[in-house]
Amino acid sequence: MLYGWAIIPLMYLMNFFFSGAATAYTRLTIFNILSGIATFLMVTIMRIPAVKLEELSRTLDRIFLVLPNHCLGMAFSSFYENYETRRYCTSSEVAAHYCRKYNIQYQENFYAWSAPGVGRFVTSLAASGFAYLILLFLIETDLLWRLKTCICAFRRRRGLMEVYTRPSALPEDQDVADERNRILAPSLHSPLDTPLVIKELCKVYEQRMPLFAVDKISLAVQKGECFGLLGFNGAGKTTTFKMLTGEETLTSGDAFVGGYSIRSDIGKVRQRIGYCPQFDALLDHMTGRETLVMYARLRGIPERHISAYVENTLRGLLLEPHASKLVRTYSGGNKRKLSTAIALLGEPAVIFLDEPSTGMDPVARRLLWDTVARARESGKAIVITSHSMEECEALCTRLAIMVQGQFKCLGSPQHLKSKFGSGYSLRAKVRSDGQQEALQEFKAFVDLTFPGSVLEDEHQGMVHYHLPGDDLSWAKVFGVLEKAKEKYGVDDYSVSQISLEQVFLSFAHLQPPAEDEGP
């Protein structure tokens, strides 16, 4: 019983060091074998007088008392040794005389502390089990996380000084500055009125040169708003998500979910958020339906409503045909749908979606968009990251583009296109007969009529131009092209506003190459 009391919480604790079940099973099995058999053999062999390592044997034995497997093996060995020695030494007067002559010792009380009693091993099992349970309690209740935060506060004083004295590496956009001033203004409404408020959130990784993964961002996400967080690799998106969900400690600043601080009330914050991580955190040996039922119970949905709630969720994301299959058989797209469904369960006030549509087919993606849009219309605050500009335009009411841990622009998709996407995009198809001559004439015409135009692409008589200039109007562009259509043999053409993707790419030169968002 004491062995189970000690080994179960120890295995639970060691589970935190592994991300995969197969890896954890293999390595913990090896650990249990080595911590039991190897330590037992080491101590036993060193006790042999001819080896002359008895003192080292006693020292190692005391160190290995923290390992339940060692205590179990040594307890059985000592118990058997004491039993046989006692039986022999009390069998006759001759045997008793022999034991006294050669100092062969045994314990009348099998639970004696001195060897060969098992008292120290039993006590160690009881004490270590209690210690492991206390440590596990501290981890699961976030007390250890808070203690780590307090300790880190002393270590990051230099980083904080850098934060408040270091000038911004890039100029700040006026929309970003207005958002910061609005949030930091004393007249701002209580955080209770806003589902998500971020105030000067900052993360500095201590290195030879401090790395600013997130650099003083401020943001408020209102009810019924879907906020898109865009950025290149290494811009700070994932680090921001990790801080908002409590996976990473904060260097400075704070964030509030429903009025609760992620610094001091992370437990209550987690009760009010839904999170779809970038990599699926699912249990492979459960079915999709079982997974949703489990999370529905954890979310506190009444038992009588769980079945209908889960079925509606499965139906809404086209997961019904796969609901009774094990999660390990799911495709990547179906796993993303299941992860998104988990994030939406229980109608949390704030929902974080980290690239939710990755690996989905077009039909499933549209269904996901409809589901997220319904959640937004029901008053939920949603923060989403995505590499699909089409997805951002379909779902997001506001966007921000992160560069070097800072917001470089902020506003609605149309606002960003109007502000940063000056000019138009022209695509034209020149007739195939006399194609080369007509094509060259048309290109010369575009260069002359629209000074500064840039040829983006040319293929099989198709040309794609970027027409710069704030003074250009739709009427002027269409008027000129209509007159040139017959003259230059243009079969068809299209003129459109600069896309959100082109706006996004216009910030590429500001972001230095980076492999990861943190060390």
Foldseek 3Di string as FASTA:
>chain_A
DLLCLQVVLVLVVVPVVDQDPVVSVVVVVVVLCCLAVVLQVVLVVLCPVVNVNPVVSVVSLVVSLLPSNNLVNLLVVLLVLQVVLVCQCPVDPVSVVVCVVVVPDHDPDLLDPDTSHSVSSSVSSNVSSVVSVVVVVCVVVCVVVLVVLVVVLVVCPVVVVCQVPPDDPDDADPVQVVQQCQLPPPPHDQCLQFQKWWFQFWDWDDDPDIATLARGGTHTFHWLFEEEEEEDFQLNPVVVVCQQQVNDHTNDTWMDGNNDTCNPPNVVSNLQFFEQDPDQSDDQAAFLLVRQLVLLVVNPPDPVCSVVLSVVLCVLQVNVVRRRPGPNPDDPQVSLSSSVSSRPHNLHQEYEEEASRPPHDPVSLVSVLVVLSVSSVVTHGYYYYHPDLVSCLSHGQKYFYGASNYTRDIGGQVVLLLVQQAFKKKKWAADPVVLVVLLVVVVVVCCVVQPPKDFPDDDNRMTIITRHDNPDDPCVVVVVCVVCCVVSRIPDMDMGGDHSVVSNVVCVVRHDDDDHNGD
